[in-house]
Amino acid sequence: MKLTINKKKINIEKIDGFFNRFKLLKFKLEKLENGYLLTKRKWLSTYLYCQKVDVIMTDKDNTILYLYPNLKSEAIIYYKRKVYNTYILPLGIANHLEKGKILKIEK
Protein backbone atom coordinates (compact mmCIF):
# COMPACT_ATOMS: atom_id res chain seq x y z
CA MET A 1 0.00 0.00 0.00
CA LYS A 2 1.12 3.56 -0.62
CA LEU A 3 0.42 6.78 1.22
CA THR A 4 0.48 10.00 -0.79
CA ILE A 5 1.49 13.21 1.02
CA ASN A 6 2.35 16.36 -0.98
CA LYS A 7 2.89 14.37 -4.19
CA LYS A 8 5.36 12.11 -2.38
CA LYS A 9 4.51 8.41 -2.20
CA ILE A 10 5.57 6.37 0.81
CA ASN A 11 5.34 2.59 0.93
CA ILE A 12 3.34 1.42 3.94
CA GLU A 13 3.76 -2.01 5.47
CA LYS A 14 0.93 -3.38 7.61
CA ILE A 15 2.18 -4.90 10.86
CA ASP A 16 0.09 -7.60 12.58
CA GLY A 17 0.76 -9.70 15.64
CA PHE A 18 2.39 -9.02 18.98
CA PHE A 19 5.94 -10.09 18.10
CA ASN A 20 6.00 -8.09 14.85
CA ARG A 21 4.80 -4.95 16.67
CA PHE A 22 7.29 -5.55 19.47
CA LYS A 23 10.35 -5.73 17.20
CA LEU A 24 9.12 -3.06 14.76
CA LEU A 25 11.83 -0.36 15.06
CA LYS A 26 13.67 -1.39 18.17
CA PHE A 27 17.46 -1.19 17.78
CA LYS A 28 17.25 -0.33 14.04
CA LEU A 29 19.97 2.17 13.20
CA GLU A 30 19.38 2.61 9.47
CA LYS A 31 17.22 5.53 8.41
CA LEU A 32 13.53 4.73 8.08
CA GLU A 33 12.51 4.72 4.39
CA ASN A 34 9.04 3.15 4.55
CA GLY A 35 6.10 3.66 6.85
CA TYR A 36 4.24 1.19 9.02
CA LEU A 37 0.55 0.75 9.76
CA LEU A 38 -0.67 -0.63 13.07
CA THR A 39 -4.42 -1.28 13.04
CA LYS A 40 -6.60 -1.16 16.14
CA ARG A 41 -3.73 0.46 18.02
CA LYS A 42 -4.85 3.24 20.38
CA TRP A 43 -1.51 3.82 22.14
CA LEU A 44 2.20 3.60 21.28
CA SER A 45 5.55 3.37 23.01
CA THR A 46 8.76 4.27 21.20
CA TYR A 47 10.94 2.71 23.86
CA LEU A 48 14.28 1.50 22.40
CA TYR A 49 13.69 3.16 19.02
CA CYS A 50 17.06 4.45 17.80
CA GLN A 51 15.64 7.26 15.69
CA LYS A 52 12.97 9.92 15.70
CA VAL A 53 9.72 9.22 13.83
CA ASP A 54 6.45 10.91 12.92
CA VAL A 55 3.27 9.28 14.24
CA ILE A 56 -0.21 9.86 12.85
CA MET A 57 -3.34 8.44 14.47
CA THR A 58 -6.53 8.22 12.40
CA ASP A 59 -10.06 6.86 12.63
CA LYS A 60 -11.51 4.12 10.39
CA ASP A 61 -12.00 6.62 7.54
CA ASN A 62 -8.33 7.75 7.74
CA THR A 63 -9.26 11.19 9.06
CA ILE A 64 -6.34 12.50 11.10
CA LEU A 65 -7.18 12.74 14.80
CA TYR A 66 -3.72 13.18 16.33
CA LEU A 67 -0.31 14.20 14.94
CA TYR A 68 2.99 13.61 16.67
CA PRO A 69 5.82 15.02 14.53
CA ASN A 70 9.44 14.50 15.54
CA LEU A 71 8.64 11.95 18.25
CA LYS A 72 11.80 11.01 20.11
CA SER A 73 12.86 7.67 21.50
CA GLU A 74 11.32 6.55 24.80
CA ALA A 75 8.14 8.56 24.30
CA ILE A 76 4.73 7.20 25.21
CA ILE A 77 1.46 8.11 23.53
CA TYR A 78 -1.24 7.21 25.99
CA TYR A 79 -4.62 5.65 25.10
CA LYS A 80 -6.64 7.77 22.68
CA ARG A 81 -10.34 7.28 22.02
CA LYS A 82 -11.72 6.80 18.50
CA VAL A 83 -8.28 5.89 17.07
CA TYR A 84 -8.25 2.92 14.70
CA ASN A 85 -5.06 3.26 12.60
CA THR A 86 -1.63 4.33 13.80
CA TYR A 87 0.95 5.22 11.15
CA ILE A 88 4.66 5.33 11.96
CA LEU A 89 6.37 7.39 9.25
CA PRO A 90 9.85 8.70 8.42
CA LEU A 91 10.86 11.94 10.09
CA GLY A 92 9.51 15.12 8.46
CA ILE A 93 6.41 13.65 6.79
CA ALA A 94 3.88 14.93 9.35
CA ASN A 95 5.08 18.53 8.94
CA HIS A 96 2.80 18.92 5.90
CA LEU A 97 -0.35 17.56 7.54
CA GLU A 98 -3.12 18.95 9.76
CA LYS A 99 -5.75 17.49 12.04
CA GLY A 100 -9.00 16.77 10.23
CA LYS A 101 -7.43 15.99 6.83
CA ILE A 102 -8.03 12.61 5.22
CA LEU A 103 -5.02 10.47 4.29
CA LYS A 104 -4.99 9.11 0.74
CA ILE A 105 -4.10 5.41 0.67
CA GLU A 106 -3.56 3.47 -2.55
CA LYS A 107 -3.65 -0.30 -2.38
PDB file of N, CA and C in Angstrom:
ATOM      1  N   MET A   1       0.829  -1.164   0.000  1.00  0.00           N
ATOM      2  CA  MET A   1       0.000   0.000   0.000  1.00  0.00           C
ATOM      3  C   MET A   1       0.886   1.244   0.000  1.00  0.00           C
ATOM      4  N   LYS A   2       0.351   2.316  -0.511  1.00  0.00           N
ATOM      5  CA  LYS A   2       1.116   3.564  -0.618  1.00  0.00           C
ATOM      6  C   LYS A   2       0.307   4.713  -0.049  1.00  0.00           C
ATOM      7  N   LEU A   3       1.001   5.574   0.652  1.00  0.00           N
ATOM      8  CA  LEU A   3       0.419   6.776   1.223  1.00  0.00           C
ATOM      9  C   LEU A   3       0.959   7.954   0.447  1.00  0.00           C
ATOM     10  N   THR A   4       0.066   8.844  -0.020  1.00  0.00           N
ATOM     11  CA  THR A   4       0.484  10.005  -0.788  1.00  0.00           C
ATOM     12  C   THR A   4       0.332  11.270   0.060  1.00  0.00           C
ATOM     13  N   ILE A   5       1.474  11.953   0.266  1.00  0.00           N
ATOM     14  CA  ILE A   5       1.486  13.211   1.016  1.00  0.00           C
ATOM     15  C   ILE A   5       2.309  14.205   0.217  1.00  0.00           C
ATOM     16  N   ASN A   6       1.672  15.316  -0.184  1.00  0.00           N
ATOM     17  CA  ASN A   6       2.347  16.355  -0.977  1.00  0.00           C
ATOM     18  C   ASN A   6       3.064  15.792  -2.195  1.00  0.00           C
ATOM     19  N   LYS A   7       2.378  14.985  -2.962  1.00  0.00           N
ATOM     20  CA  LYS A   7       2.886  14.369  -4.190  1.00  0.00           C
ATOM     21  C   LYS A   7       4.061  13.423  -3.955  1.00  0.00           C
ATOM     22  N   LYS A   8       4.314  13.077  -2.706  1.00  0.00           N
ATOM     23  CA  LYS A   8       5.357  12.112  -2.381  1.00  0.00           C
ATOM     24  C   LYS A   8       4.684  10.817  -1.942  1.00  0.00           C
ATOM     25  N   LYS A   9       5.111   9.692  -2.538  1.00  0.00           N
ATOM     26  CA  LYS A   9       4.514   8.406  -2.203  1.00  0.00           C
ATOM     27  C   LYS A   9       5.430   7.643  -1.258  1.00  0.00           C
ATOM     28  N   ILE A  10       4.829   7.124  -0.204  1.00  0.00           N
ATOM     29  CA  ILE A  10       5.565   6.373   0.806  1.00  0.00           C
ATOM     30  C   ILE A  10       4.964   4.978   0.884  1.00  0.00           C
ATOM     31  N   ASN A  11       5.810   3.962   0.777  1.00  0.00           N
ATOM     32  CA  ASN A  11       5.345   2.587   0.935  1.00  0.00           C
ATOM     33  C   ASN A  11       4.971   2.355   2.391  1.00  0.00           C
ATOM     34  N   ILE A  12       3.823   1.716   2.601  1.00  0.00           N
ATOM     35  CA  ILE A  12       3.338   1.424   3.937  1.00  0.00           C
ATOM     36  C   ILE A  12       3.236  -0.089   4.093  1.00  0.00           C
ATOM     37  N   GLU A  13       3.815  -0.585   5.161  1.00  0.00           N
ATOM     38  CA  GLU A  13       3.756  -2.007   5.466  1.00  0.00           C
ATOM     39  C   GLU A  13       2.835  -2.204   6.664  1.00  0.00           C
ATOM     40  N   LYS A  14       1.855  -3.110   6.523  1.00  0.00           N
ATOM     41  CA  LYS A  14       0.926  -3.377   7.609  1.00  0.00           C
ATOM     42  C   LYS A  14       1.566  -4.383   8.566  1.00  0.00           C
ATOM     43  N   ILE A  15       1.556  -4.066   9.848  1.00  0.00           N
ATOM     44  CA  ILE A  15       2.175  -4.903  10.862  1.00  0.00           C
ATOM     45  C   ILE A  15       1.076  -5.524  11.721  1.00  0.00           C
ATOM     46  N   ASP A  16       1.062  -6.865  11.765  1.00  0.00           N
ATOM     47  CA  ASP A  16       0.092  -7.599  12.578  1.00  0.00           C
ATOM     48  C   ASP A  16       0.835  -8.469  13.581  1.00  0.00           C
ATOM     49  N   GLY A  17       0.205  -8.779  14.662  1.00  0.00           N
ATOM     50  CA  GLY A  17       0.761  -9.703  15.638  1.00  0.00           C
ATOM     51  C   GLY A  17       1.635  -9.023  16.673  1.00  0.00           C
ATOM     52  N   PHE A  18       1.655  -9.599  17.860  1.00  0.00           N
ATOM     53  CA  PHE A  18       2.388  -9.022  18.978  1.00  0.00           C
ATOM     54  C   PHE A  18       3.889  -8.949  18.714  1.00  0.00           C
ATOM     55  N   PHE A  19       4.494 -10.048  18.273  1.00  0.00           N
ATOM     56  CA  PHE A  19       5.939 -10.095  18.098  1.00  0.00           C
ATOM     57  C   PHE A  19       6.389  -9.109  17.015  1.00  0.00           C
ATOM     58  N   ASN A  20       5.648  -9.021  15.921  1.00  0.00           N
ATOM     59  CA  ASN A  20       6.004  -8.086  14.852  1.00  0.00           C
ATOM     60  C   ASN A  20       5.926  -6.634  15.321  1.00  0.00           C
ATOM     61  N   ARG A  21       4.905  -6.308  16.113  1.00  0.00           N
ATOM     62  CA  ARG A  21       4.799  -4.954  16.666  1.00  0.00           C
ATOM     63  C   ARG A  21       5.921  -4.690  17.659  1.00  0.00           C
ATOM     64  N   PHE A  22       6.270  -5.710  18.442  1.00  0.00           N
ATOM     65  CA  PHE A  22       7.292  -5.550  19.468  1.00  0.00           C
ATOM     66  C   PHE A  22       8.658  -5.235  18.858  1.00  0.00           C
ATOM     67  N   LYS A  23       9.020  -5.915  17.790  1.00  0.00           N
ATOM     68  CA  LYS A  23      10.346  -5.731  17.197  1.00  0.00           C
ATOM     69  C   LYS A  23      10.373  -4.683  16.087  1.00  0.00           C
ATOM     70  N   LEU A  24       9.297  -3.965  15.886  1.00  0.00           N
ATOM     71  CA  LEU A  24       9.121  -3.058  14.759  1.00  0.00           C
ATOM     72  C   LEU A  24      10.345  -2.186  14.463  1.00  0.00           C
ATOM     73  N   LEU A  25      10.697  -1.264  15.300  1.00  0.00           N
ATOM     74  CA  LEU A  25      11.827  -0.363  15.058  1.00  0.00           C
ATOM     75  C   LEU A  25      12.860  -0.391  16.178  1.00  0.00           C
ATOM     76  N   LYS A  26      12.740  -1.333  17.051  1.00  0.00           N
ATOM     77  CA  LYS A  26      13.667  -1.394  18.170  1.00  0.00           C
ATOM     78  C   LYS A  26      15.064  -1.766  17.685  1.00  0.00           C
ATOM     79  N   PHE A  27      16.043  -0.987  18.075  1.00  0.00           N
ATOM     80  CA  PHE A  27      17.459  -1.190  17.775  1.00  0.00           C
ATOM     81  C   PHE A  27      17.815  -1.049  16.295  1.00  0.00           C
ATOM     82  N   LYS A  28      16.933  -0.522  15.462  1.00  0.00           N
ATOM     83  CA  LYS A  28      17.252  -0.328  14.044  1.00  0.00           C
ATOM     84  C   LYS A  28      17.959   1.006  13.874  1.00  0.00           C
ATOM     85  N   LEU A  29      19.168   0.956  13.346  1.00  0.00           N
ATOM     86  CA  LEU A  29      19.971   2.165  13.200  1.00  0.00           C
ATOM     87  C   LEU A  29      19.828   2.820  11.835  1.00  0.00           C
ATOM     88  N   GLU A  30      19.498   2.034  10.804  1.00  0.00           N
ATOM     89  CA  GLU A  30      19.385   2.615   9.467  1.00  0.00           C
ATOM     90  C   GLU A  30      18.158   3.521   9.386  1.00  0.00           C
ATOM     91  N   LYS A  31      18.281   4.533   8.559  1.00  0.00           N
ATOM     92  CA  LYS A  31      17.219   5.530   8.412  1.00  0.00           C
ATOM     93  C   LYS A  31      15.936   4.873   7.893  1.00  0.00           C
ATOM     94  N   LEU A  32      14.824   5.265   8.461  1.00  0.00           N
ATOM     95  CA  LEU A  32      13.527   4.732   8.076  1.00  0.00           C
ATOM     96  C   LEU A  32      13.143   5.246   6.698  1.00  0.00           C
ATOM     97  N   GLU A  33      12.884   4.352   5.756  1.00  0.00           N
ATOM     98  CA  GLU A  33      12.507   4.717   4.389  1.00  0.00           C
ATOM     99  C   GLU A  33      11.007   4.525   4.160  1.00  0.00           C
ATOM    100  N   ASN A  34      10.445   3.478   4.729  1.00  0.00           N
ATOM    101  CA  ASN A  34       9.040   3.148   4.549  1.00  0.00           C
ATOM    102  C   ASN A  34       8.266   3.480   5.815  1.00  0.00           C
ATOM    103  N   GLY A  35       6.943   3.448   5.695  1.00  0.00           N
ATOM    104  CA  GLY A  35       6.096   3.665   6.852  1.00  0.00           C
ATOM    105  C   GLY A  35       5.473   2.359   7.304  1.00  0.00           C
ATOM    106  N   TYR A  36       4.882   2.377   8.473  1.00  0.00           N
ATOM    107  CA  TYR A  36       4.244   1.193   9.024  1.00  0.00           C
ATOM    108  C   TYR A  36       2.838   1.541   9.491  1.00  0.00           C
ATOM    109  N   LEU A  37       1.936   0.586   9.340  1.00  0.00           N
ATOM    110  CA  LEU A  37       0.547   0.753   9.760  1.00  0.00           C
ATOM    111  C   LEU A  37       0.245  -0.258  10.847  1.00  0.00           C
ATOM    112  N   LEU A  38      -0.214   0.221  11.978  1.00  0.00           N
ATOM    113  CA  LEU A  38      -0.666  -0.630  13.071  1.00  0.00           C
ATOM    114  C   LEU A  38      -2.169  -0.411  13.207  1.00  0.00           C
ATOM    115  N   THR A  39      -2.969  -1.433  12.937  1.00  0.00           N
ATOM    116  CA  THR A  39      -4.422  -1.280  13.036  1.00  0.00           C
ATOM    117  C   THR A  39      -4.884  -1.600  14.449  1.00  0.00           C
ATOM    118  N   LYS A  40      -5.983  -0.995  14.824  1.00  0.00           N
ATOM    119  CA  LYS A  40      -6.601  -1.163  16.138  1.00  0.00           C
ATOM    120  C   LYS A  40      -5.597  -0.897  17.257  1.00  0.00           C
ATOM    121  N   ARG A  41      -4.768   0.117  17.055  1.00  0.00           N
ATOM    122  CA  ARG A  41      -3.728   0.463  18.023  1.00  0.00           C
ATOM    123  C   ARG A  41      -4.012   1.858  18.554  1.00  0.00           C
ATOM    124  N   LYS A  42      -4.439   1.972  19.804  1.00  0.00           N
ATOM    125  CA  LYS A  42      -4.851   3.242  20.379  1.00  0.00           C
ATOM    126  C   LYS A  42      -3.774   3.892  21.244  1.00  0.00           C
ATOM    127  N   TRP A  43      -2.623   3.259  21.389  1.00  0.00           N
ATOM    128  CA  TRP A  43      -1.509   3.821  22.144  1.00  0.00           C
ATOM    129  C   TRP A  43      -0.211   3.332  21.511  1.00  0.00           C
ATOM    130  N   LEU A  44       0.918   3.974  21.875  1.00  0.00           N
ATOM    131  CA  LEU A  44       2.198   3.600  21.276  1.00  0.00           C
ATOM    132  C   LEU A  44       3.334   3.969  22.223  1.00  0.00           C
ATOM    133  N   SER A  45       4.336   3.111  22.261  1.00  0.00           N
ATOM    134  CA  SER A  45       5.550   3.374  23.015  1.00  0.00           C
ATOM    135  C   SER A  45       6.729   3.287  22.054  1.00  0.00           C
ATOM    136  N   THR A  46       7.584   4.289  22.067  1.00  0.00           N
ATOM    137  CA  THR A  46       8.759   4.273  21.196  1.00  0.00           C
ATOM    138  C   THR A  46      10.006   3.893  21.984  1.00  0.00           C
ATOM    139  N   TYR A  47       9.830   3.138  23.034  1.00  0.00           N
ATOM    140  CA  TYR A  47      10.943   2.709  23.863  1.00  0.00           C
ATOM    141  C   TYR A  47      11.916   1.865  23.044  1.00  0.00           C
ATOM    142  N   LEU A  48      13.186   2.175  23.104  1.00  0.00           N
ATOM    143  CA  LEU A  48      14.284   1.501  22.403  1.00  0.00           C
ATOM    144  C   LEU A  48      14.318   1.780  20.899  1.00  0.00           C
ATOM    145  N   TYR A  49      13.537   2.731  20.407  1.00  0.00           N
ATOM    146  CA  TYR A  49      13.690   3.158  19.017  1.00  0.00           C
ATOM    147  C   TYR A  49      14.993   3.955  18.947  1.00  0.00           C
ATOM    148  N   CYS A  50      15.771   3.766  17.925  1.00  0.00           N
ATOM    149  CA  CYS A  50      17.059   4.447  17.800  1.00  0.00           C
ATOM    150  C   CYS A  50      16.983   5.672  16.902  1.00  0.00           C
ATOM    151  N   GLN A  51      15.793   6.090  16.552  1.00  0.00           N
ATOM    152  CA  GLN A  51      15.641   7.257  15.687  1.00  0.00           C
ATOM    153  C   GLN A  51      14.309   7.940  15.976  1.00  0.00           C
ATOM    154  N   LYS A  52      14.224   9.181  15.558  1.00  0.00           N
ATOM    155  CA  LYS A  52      12.969   9.921  15.703  1.00  0.00           C
ATOM    156  C   LYS A  52      12.032   9.544  14.564  1.00  0.00           C
ATOM    157  N   VAL A  53      10.730   9.566  14.827  1.00  0.00           N
ATOM    158  CA  VAL A  53       9.719   9.217  13.826  1.00  0.00           C
ATOM    159  C   VAL A  53       8.562  10.197  13.922  1.00  0.00           C
ATOM    160  N   ASP A  54       7.715  10.182  12.901  1.00  0.00           N
ATOM    161  CA  ASP A  54       6.451  10.912  12.925  1.00  0.00           C
ATOM    162  C   ASP A  54       5.341   9.886  13.113  1.00  0.00           C
ATOM    163  N   VAL A  55       4.380  10.192  13.976  1.00  0.00           N
ATOM    164  CA  VAL A  55       3.270   9.281  14.238  1.00  0.00           C
ATOM    165  C   VAL A  55       1.971  10.007  13.930  1.00  0.00           C
ATOM    166  N   ILE A  56       1.101   9.328  13.182  1.00  0.00           N
ATOM    167  CA  ILE A  56      -0.212   9.861  12.846  1.00  0.00           C
ATOM    168  C   ILE A  56      -1.254   8.847  13.297  1.00  0.00           C
ATOM    169  N   MET A  57      -2.258   9.310  14.017  1.00  0.00           N
ATOM    170  CA  MET A  57      -3.339   8.441  14.466  1.00  0.00           C
ATOM    171  C   MET A  57      -4.635   8.884  13.780  1.00  0.00           C
ATOM    172  N   THR A  58      -5.318   7.914  13.157  1.00  0.00           N
ATOM    173  CA  THR A  58      -6.529   8.222  12.396  1.00  0.00           C
ATOM    174  C   THR A  58      -7.690   7.342  12.858  1.00  0.00           C
ATOM    175  N   ASP A  59      -8.896   7.704  12.385  1.00  0.00           N
ATOM    176  CA  ASP A  59     -10.057   6.859  12.632  1.00  0.00           C
ATOM    177  C   ASP A  59     -10.196   5.854  11.489  1.00  0.00           C
ATOM    178  N   LYS A  60     -11.317   5.142  11.428  1.00  0.00           N
ATOM    179  CA  LYS A  60     -11.507   4.115  10.386  1.00  0.00           C
ATOM    180  C   LYS A  60     -11.535   4.696   8.983  1.00  0.00           C
ATOM    181  N   ASP A  61     -11.918   5.968   8.852  1.00  0.00           N
ATOM    182  CA  ASP A  61     -11.998   6.615   7.539  1.00  0.00           C
ATOM    183  C   ASP A  61     -10.698   7.320   7.167  1.00  0.00           C
ATOM    184  N   ASN A  62      -9.649   7.120   7.937  1.00  0.00           N
ATOM    185  CA  ASN A  62      -8.335   7.752   7.743  1.00  0.00           C
ATOM    186  C   ASN A  62      -8.353   9.266   7.894  1.00  0.00           C
ATOM    187  N   THR A  63      -9.255   9.778   8.706  1.00  0.00           N
ATOM    188  CA  THR A  63      -9.261  11.193   9.062  1.00  0.00           C
ATOM    189  C   THR A  63      -8.283  11.375  10.220  1.00  0.00           C
ATOM    190  N   ILE A  64      -7.381  12.302  10.091  1.00  0.00           N
ATOM    191  CA  ILE A  64      -6.339  12.496  11.103  1.00  0.00           C
ATOM    192  C   ILE A  64      -6.949  13.047  12.391  1.00  0.00           C
ATOM    193  N   LEU A  65      -6.717  12.314  13.483  1.00  0.00           N
ATOM    194  CA  LEU A  65      -7.182  12.741  14.797  1.00  0.00           C
ATOM    195  C   LEU A  65      -6.051  13.341  15.628  1.00  0.00           C
ATOM    196  N   TYR A  66      -4.868  12.724  15.545  1.00  0.00           N
ATOM    197  CA  TYR A  66      -3.717  13.179  16.332  1.00  0.00           C
ATOM    198  C   TYR A  66      -2.457  13.119  15.481  1.00  0.00           C
ATOM    199  N   LEU A  67      -1.608  14.138  15.631  1.00  0.00           N
ATOM    200  CA  LEU A  67      -0.314  14.201  14.940  1.00  0.00           C
ATOM    201  C   LEU A  67       0.791  14.326  15.983  1.00  0.00           C
ATOM    202  N   TYR A  68       1.826  13.535  15.793  1.00  0.00           N
ATOM    203  CA  TYR A  68       2.994  13.614  16.667  1.00  0.00           C
ATOM    204  C   TYR A  68       4.247  13.698  15.795  1.00  0.00           C
ATOM    205  N   PRO A  69       4.610  14.895  15.336  1.00  0.00           N
ATOM    206  CA  PRO A  69       5.823  15.022  14.525  1.00  0.00           C
ATOM    207  C   PRO A  69       7.063  15.000  15.414  1.00  0.00           C
ATOM    208  N   ASN A  70       8.149  14.473  14.873  1.00  0.00           N
ATOM    209  CA  ASN A  70       9.445  14.502  15.541  1.00  0.00           C
ATOM    210  C   ASN A  70       9.393  13.844  16.919  1.00  0.00           C
ATOM    211  N   LEU A  71       8.788  12.666  16.982  1.00  0.00           N
ATOM    212  CA  LEU A  71       8.637  11.947  18.247  1.00  0.00           C
ATOM    213  C   LEU A  71       9.949  11.244  18.589  1.00  0.00           C
ATOM    214  N   LYS A  72      10.494  11.553  19.733  1.00  0.00           N
ATOM    215  CA  LYS A  72      11.797  11.015  20.108  1.00  0.00           C
ATOM    216  C   LYS A  72      11.664   9.615  20.703  1.00  0.00           C
ATOM    217  N   SER A  73      12.803   8.987  20.883  1.00  0.00           N
ATOM    218  CA  SER A  73      12.857   7.668  21.502  1.00  0.00           C
ATOM    219  C   SER A  73      12.381   7.755  22.953  1.00  0.00           C
ATOM    220  N   GLU A  74      11.813   6.685  23.430  1.00  0.00           N
ATOM    221  CA  GLU A  74      11.323   6.551  24.795  1.00  0.00           C
ATOM    222  C   GLU A  74      10.141   7.457  25.106  1.00  0.00           C
ATOM    223  N   ALA A  75       9.370   7.783  24.095  1.00  0.00           N
ATOM    224  CA  ALA A  75       8.142   8.561  24.300  1.00  0.00           C
ATOM    225  C   ALA A  75       6.958   7.596  24.395  1.00  0.00           C
ATOM    226  N   ILE A  76       5.936   8.007  25.087  1.00  0.00           N
ATOM    227  CA  ILE A  76       4.727   7.195  25.208  1.00  0.00           C
ATOM    228  C   ILE A  76       3.538   8.042  24.785  1.00  0.00           C
ATOM    229  N   ILE A  77       2.738   7.494  23.889  1.00  0.00           N
ATOM    230  CA  ILE A  77       1.462   8.111  23.526  1.00  0.00           C
ATOM    231  C   ILE A  77       0.396   7.299  24.241  1.00  0.00           C
ATOM    232  N   TYR A  78      -0.263   7.919  25.191  1.00  0.00           N
ATOM    233  CA  TYR A  78      -1.245   7.210  25.987  1.00  0.00           C
ATOM    234  C   TYR A  78      -2.528   6.954  25.197  1.00  0.00           C
ATOM    235  N   TYR A  79      -3.373   6.092  25.723  1.00  0.00           N
ATOM    236  CA  TYR A  79      -4.615   5.647  25.102  1.00  0.00           C
ATOM    237  C   TYR A  79      -5.428   6.830  24.576  1.00  0.00           C
ATOM    238  N   LYS A  80      -5.827   6.734  23.319  1.00  0.00           N
ATOM    239  CA  LYS A  80      -6.639   7.772  22.677  1.00  0.00           C
ATOM    240  C   LYS A  80      -7.934   7.146  22.173  1.00  0.00           C
ATOM    241  N   ARG A  81      -9.034   7.774  22.467  1.00  0.00           N
ATOM    242  CA  ARG A  81     -10.337   7.278  22.023  1.00  0.00           C
ATOM    243  C   ARG A  81     -10.520   7.519  20.530  1.00  0.00           C
ATOM    244  N   LYS A  82     -11.308   6.705  19.901  1.00  0.00           N
ATOM    245  CA  LYS A  82     -11.720   6.803  18.497  1.00  0.00           C
ATOM    246  C   LYS A  82     -10.585   6.525  17.505  1.00  0.00           C
ATOM    247  N   VAL A  83      -9.404   6.192  17.974  1.00  0.00           N
ATOM    248  CA  VAL A  83      -8.283   5.895  17.067  1.00  0.00           C
ATOM    249  C   VAL A  83      -8.409   4.460  16.578  1.00  0.00           C
ATOM    250  N   TYR A  84      -8.214   4.271  15.278  1.00  0.00           N
ATOM    251  CA  TYR A  84      -8.247   2.925  14.697  1.00  0.00           C
ATOM    252  C   TYR A  84      -6.903   2.579  14.043  1.00  0.00           C
ATOM    253  N   ASN A  85      -6.333   3.488  13.282  1.00  0.00           N
ATOM    254  CA  ASN A  85      -5.059   3.259  12.599  1.00  0.00           C
ATOM    255  C   ASN A  85      -3.978   4.145  13.189  1.00  0.00           C
ATOM    256  N   THR A  86      -2.795   3.567  13.375  1.00  0.00           N
ATOM    257  CA  THR A  86      -1.626   4.325  13.803  1.00  0.00           C
ATOM    258  C   THR A  86      -0.546   4.143  12.750  1.00  0.00           C
ATOM    259  N   TYR A  87      -0.091   5.247  12.180  1.00  0.00           N
ATOM    260  CA  TYR A  87       0.948   5.220  11.151  1.00  0.00           C
ATOM    261  C   TYR A  87       2.258   5.701  11.752  1.00  0.00           C
ATOM    262  N   ILE A  88       3.316   4.929  11.560  1.00  0.00           N
ATOM    263  CA  ILE A  88       4.661   5.333  11.956  1.00  0.00           C
ATOM    264  C   ILE A  88       5.400   5.649  10.664  1.00  0.00           C
ATOM    265  N   LEU A  89       5.822   6.904  10.510  1.00  0.00           N
ATOM    266  CA  LEU A  89       6.371   7.387   9.245  1.00  0.00           C
ATOM    267  C   LEU A  89       7.770   7.972   9.436  1.00  0.00           C
ATOM    268  N   PRO A  90       8.528   8.073   8.331  1.00  0.00           N
ATOM    269  CA  PRO A  90       9.855   8.704   8.419  1.00  0.00           C
ATOM    270  C   PRO A  90       9.748  10.145   8.917  1.00  0.00           C
ATOM    271  N   LEU A  91      10.809  10.602   9.526  1.00  0.00           N
ATOM    272  CA  LEU A  91      10.862  11.941  10.095  1.00  0.00           C
ATOM    273  C   LEU A  91      10.620  13.019   9.039  1.00  0.00           C
ATOM    274  N   GLY A  92       9.772  13.990   9.350  1.00  0.00           N
ATOM    275  CA  GLY A  92       9.506  15.116   8.461  1.00  0.00           C
ATOM    276  C   GLY A  92       8.244  14.996   7.635  1.00  0.00           C
ATOM    277  N   ILE A  93       7.612  13.853   7.606  1.00  0.00           N
ATOM    278  CA  ILE A  93       6.414  13.654   6.788  1.00  0.00           C
ATOM    279  C   ILE A  93       5.208  14.379   7.389  1.00  0.00           C
ATOM    280  N   ALA A  94       5.056  14.349   8.692  1.00  0.00           N
ATOM    281  CA  ALA A  94       3.877  14.932   9.347  1.00  0.00           C
ATOM    282  C   ALA A  94       3.898  16.458   9.364  1.00  0.00           C
ATOM    283  N   ASN A  95       5.002  17.071   8.954  1.00  0.00           N
ATOM    284  CA  ASN A  95       5.075  18.534   8.941  1.00  0.00           C
ATOM    285  C   ASN A  95       4.100  19.157   7.957  1.00  0.00           C
ATOM    286  N   HIS A  96       3.674  18.406   6.952  1.00  0.00           N
ATOM    287  CA  HIS A  96       2.803  18.925   5.899  1.00  0.00           C
ATOM    288  C   HIS A  96       1.337  18.567   6.127  1.00  0.00           C
ATOM    289  N   LEU A  97       1.014  18.015   7.282  1.00  0.00           N
ATOM    290  CA  LEU A  97      -0.352  17.559   7.543  1.00  0.00           C
ATOM    291  C   LEU A  97      -0.995  18.361   8.660  1.00  0.00           C
ATOM    292  N   GLU A  98      -2.348  18.265   8.717  1.00  0.00           N
ATOM    293  CA  GLU A  98      -3.117  18.952   9.755  1.00  0.00           C
ATOM    294  C   GLU A  98      -4.194  18.014  10.270  1.00  0.00           C
ATOM    295  N   LYS A  99      -4.640  18.273  11.483  1.00  0.00           N
ATOM    296  CA  LYS A  99      -5.751  17.492  12.039  1.00  0.00           C
ATOM    297  C   LYS A  99      -6.994  17.727  11.179  1.00  0.00           C
ATOM    298  N   GLY A 100      -7.766  16.663  10.992  1.00  0.00           N
ATOM    299  CA  GLY A 100      -9.003  16.774  10.230  1.00  0.00           C
ATOM    300  C   GLY A 100      -8.859  16.414   8.755  1.00  0.00           C
ATOM    301  N   LYS A 101      -7.641  16.386   8.223  1.00  0.00           N
ATOM    302  CA  LYS A 101      -7.434  15.989   6.832  1.00  0.00           C
ATOM    303  C   LYS A 101      -7.588  14.488   6.693  1.00  0.00           C
ATOM    304  N   ILE A 102      -7.892  14.038   5.506  1.00  0.00           N
ATOM    305  CA  ILE A 102      -8.033  12.610   5.219  1.00  0.00           C
ATOM    306  C   ILE A 102      -6.793  12.135   4.467  1.00  0.00           C
ATOM    307  N   LEU A 103      -6.188  11.043   4.955  1.00  0.00           N
ATOM    308  CA  LEU A 103      -5.016  10.471   4.291  1.00  0.00           C
ATOM    309  C   LEU A 103      -5.436   9.680   3.058  1.00  0.00           C
ATOM    310  N   LYS A 104      -4.698   9.833   1.969  1.00  0.00           N
ATOM    311  CA  LYS A 104      -4.992   9.111   0.739  1.00  0.00           C
ATOM    312  C   LYS A 104      -4.131   7.858   0.671  1.00  0.00           C
ATOM    313  N   ILE A 105      -4.798   6.699   0.705  1.00  0.00           N
ATOM    314  CA  ILE A 105      -4.102   5.412   0.670  1.00  0.00           C
ATOM    315  C   ILE A 105      -4.433   4.708  -0.642  1.00  0.00           C
ATOM    316  N   GLU A 106      -3.390   4.267  -1.345  1.00  0.00           N
ATOM    317  CA  GLU A 106      -3.560   3.466  -2.554  1.00  0.00           C
ATOM    318  C   GLU A 106      -3.170   2.039  -2.235  1.00  0.00           C
ATOM    319  N   LYS A 107      -3.977   1.103  -2.669  1.00  0.00           N
ATOM    320  CA  LYS A 107      -3.654  -0.304  -2.380  1.00  0.00           C
ATOM    321  C   LYS A 107      -2.940  -0.970  -3.502  1.00  0.00           C
TER     322      LYS A 107
END
